[in-house]
Protein backbone atom coordinates (compact mmCIF):
# COMPACT_ATOMS: atom_id res chain seq x y z
CA MET A 1 -11.72 -22.45 3.46
CA GLN A 2 -7.90 -23.75 3.28
CA LEU A 3 -5.03 -21.13 2.82
CA THR A 4 -1.90 -21.94 2.44
CA TYR A 5 1.44 -19.98 1.34
CA VAL A 6 2.83 -21.20 -2.05
CA ASN A 7 6.42 -20.08 -1.48
CA ALA A 8 8.84 -19.59 1.29
CA GLU A 9 8.68 -15.70 0.85
CA GLU A 10 5.08 -16.11 1.59
CA THR A 11 4.19 -13.40 -1.30
CA SER A 12 1.09 -15.55 -2.24
CA ILE A 13 -1.40 -17.67 -0.82
CA GLU A 14 -3.53 -20.48 -2.17
CA ALA A 15 -7.12 -20.07 -1.15
CA MET A 16 -9.37 -23.27 -1.48
CA LEU A 17 -13.00 -22.27 -0.92
CA ASP A 18 -15.66 -24.80 -0.46
CA GLU A 19 -19.49 -24.57 -1.64
CA GLY A 20 -20.95 -21.28 -0.39
CA GLU A 21 -17.20 -19.65 1.36
CA THR A 22 -16.82 -16.35 0.00
CA LEU A 23 -13.40 -14.49 0.04
CA GLY A 24 -13.09 -10.97 -1.37
CA HIS A 25 -14.86 -10.89 -4.53
CA TYR A 26 -15.01 -15.19 -4.81
CA THR A 27 -17.66 -17.89 -3.92
CA GLY A 28 -16.49 -21.23 -3.79
CA PRO A 29 -16.17 -23.75 -4.75
CA THR A 30 -12.93 -22.61 -6.22
CA THR A 31 -8.95 -22.39 -6.08
CA ILE A 32 -7.68 -18.89 -6.20
CA TYR A 33 -4.29 -17.29 -5.88
CA VAL A 34 -3.71 -14.26 -3.64
CA PRO A 35 -0.82 -12.16 -3.72
CA CYS A 36 -0.17 -10.73 -0.23
CA ASP A 37 -0.79 -7.08 -1.19
CA PRO A 38 -2.71 -5.14 0.98
CA ALA A 39 -4.31 -3.40 -1.81
CA ASN A 40 -6.07 -6.79 -3.07
CA ALA A 41 -9.32 -7.35 -1.74
CA GLU A 42 -9.10 -10.93 -1.14
CA TYR A 43 -5.77 -10.60 0.72
CA ALA A 44 -7.65 -7.52 2.70
CA ASP A 45 -10.46 -9.99 3.65
CA ILE A 46 -7.69 -12.80 5.13
CA LEU A 47 -6.43 -10.10 7.25
CA ALA A 48 -9.53 -8.53 8.37
CA ASN A 49 -10.99 -11.98 9.27
CA GLY A 50 -7.77 -13.36 10.96
CA TYR A 51 -8.35 -16.59 8.86
CA PRO A 52 -5.35 -18.75 9.45
CA ILE A 53 -2.72 -19.41 6.84
CA ASP A 54 -1.16 -22.60 6.61
CA PRO A 55 2.80 -22.43 6.36
CA TYR A 56 4.55 -23.35 3.14
CA VAL A 57 5.72 -26.97 2.57
CA PRO A 58 8.29 -27.44 0.00
CA PRO A 59 7.90 -30.62 -2.06
CA PRO A 60 9.88 -33.45 -1.27
CA GLU A 61 13.16 -33.83 -3.06
CA ALA A 62 13.55 -35.91 -6.03
CA VAL A 63 14.90 -39.33 -5.18
CA PRO A 64 17.69 -40.10 -7.47
CA ARG A 65 17.35 -43.17 -9.37
């Protein structure tokens, strides 16, 4: 399972689940986007299990041509 914040404000998480991995109501393989809301089952699962979340990494700046 790979969890990564999708923005600098840390309001949403991209969760990439491999075959057989589960998160809340989802089973992999799949990619879902989880709002950082304690009422959300998938976010609650992340917190309850202490899954690590990778920090947001902004895309590289465009190189002027």
